[in-house]
Amino acid sequence: LVLLSHRYEELERIPLNDMTREEINQLVQELGFYRKQTPDAPVPEEFQFAPARPLPTLPPHQAPAADGKTPPERDEGEHPDL
């Protein structure tokens, strides 16, 4: 299991070959993944980007980009990676 950051950088690599299915299920629950009751069940809004945590956001005038320019504004509710 490879856990990635919102920038697709590897955060952690967890070997699963010596784990049982039950242990793996417990692990992903502890990591904050949501398990749907059925494959076609909807995912609750609070779990749409789980287990990712939202990035802290600052108003554009307080968070200039690396080149010193103000980043473009995003629609409210839009995930920063989209």
Protein backbone atom coordinates (compact mmCIF):
# COMPACT_ATOMS: atom_id res chain seq x y z
CA LEU A 1 0.00 0.00 0.00
CA VAL A 2 1.53 3.29 -1.08
CA LEU A 3 0.19 6.46 0.54
CA LEU A 4 0.60 9.63 -1.51
CA SER A 5 0.34 13.32 -0.66
CA HIS A 6 -2.00 15.65 -2.52
CA ARG A 7 0.98 16.36 -4.82
CA TYR A 8 1.39 12.61 -5.50
CA GLU A 9 4.60 12.44 -3.44
CA GLU A 10 5.10 9.14 -1.64
CA LEU A 11 4.45 9.52 2.09
CA GLU A 12 4.61 5.93 3.25
CA ARG A 13 4.86 2.41 1.84
CA ILE A 14 3.19 -0.36 3.87
CA PRO A 15 3.86 -3.99 2.91
CA LEU A 16 0.64 -6.02 2.86
CA ASN A 17 1.93 -9.47 1.85
CA ASP A 18 2.07 -10.78 5.44
CA MET A 19 -1.32 -9.34 6.45
CA THR A 20 -4.70 -11.06 6.41
CA ARG A 21 -7.70 -9.51 4.67
CA GLU A 22 -9.12 -8.58 8.09
CA GLU A 23 -5.86 -6.87 9.10
CA ILE A 24 -5.77 -4.92 5.84
CA ASN A 25 -9.41 -3.85 6.27
CA GLN A 26 -8.64 -2.67 9.81
CA LEU A 27 -5.56 -0.78 8.58
CA VAL A 28 -7.39 1.14 5.87
CA GLN A 29 -10.15 2.03 8.35
CA GLU A 30 -7.55 3.33 10.81
CA LEU A 31 -6.01 5.37 8.00
CA GLY A 32 -9.37 7.07 7.42
CA PHE A 33 -10.61 5.42 4.23
CA TYR A 34 -14.39 5.08 3.87
CA ARG A 35 -15.91 1.72 2.99
CA LYS A 36 -19.19 1.77 1.10
CA GLN A 37 -21.89 -0.71 2.07
CA THR A 38 -22.42 -1.68 -1.58
CA PRO A 39 -20.36 -0.89 -4.71
CA ASP A 40 -23.01 1.51 -6.08
CA ALA A 41 -23.74 3.26 -2.76
CA PRO A 42 -22.99 7.00 -2.65
CA VAL A 43 -20.00 8.27 -0.69
CA PRO A 44 -20.96 10.84 1.99
CA GLU A 45 -19.70 14.35 1.22
CA GLU A 46 -17.35 14.41 4.23
CA PHE A 47 -15.53 11.39 2.77
CA GLN A 48 -15.32 12.58 -0.86
CA PHE A 49 -11.57 13.25 -0.55
CA ALA A 50 -10.88 10.98 2.41
CA PRO A 51 -8.54 10.18 3.87
CA ALA A 52 -6.96 13.35 2.48
CA ARG A 53 -7.23 16.32 4.75
CA PRO A 54 -8.13 19.70 3.24
CA LEU A 55 -5.24 22.07 2.72
CA PRO A 56 -5.32 25.23 4.80
CA THR A 57 -6.39 28.08 2.56
CA LEU A 58 -5.52 31.73 2.87
CA PRO A 59 -7.10 34.63 1.03
CA PRO A 60 -5.24 35.17 -2.30
CA HIS A 61 -3.61 38.40 -1.14
CA GLN A 62 -1.92 36.51 1.74
CA ALA A 63 -0.78 33.49 -0.28
CA PRO A 64 1.32 34.60 -3.27
CA ALA A 65 2.68 31.90 -5.53
CA ALA A 66 6.39 31.08 -5.64
CA ASP A 67 6.82 33.51 -8.56
CA GLY A 68 5.27 36.32 -6.49
CA LYS A 69 2.02 36.36 -8.48
CA THR A 70 -1.33 35.87 -6.82
CA PRO A 71 -2.79 32.40 -7.59
CA PRO A 72 -6.13 32.31 -9.43
CA GLU A 73 -9.24 32.12 -7.27
CA ARG A 74 -11.07 28.78 -7.04
CA ASP A 75 -14.77 28.18 -6.81
CA GLU A 76 -15.92 27.60 -3.24
CA GLY A 77 -16.02 23.87 -2.49
CA GLU A 78 -13.60 23.02 -5.28
CA HIS A 79 -10.85 20.67 -4.15
CA PRO A 80 -7.40 22.33 -4.52
CA ASP A 81 -6.06 19.40 -6.56
CA LEU A 82 -8.77 19.63 -9.24
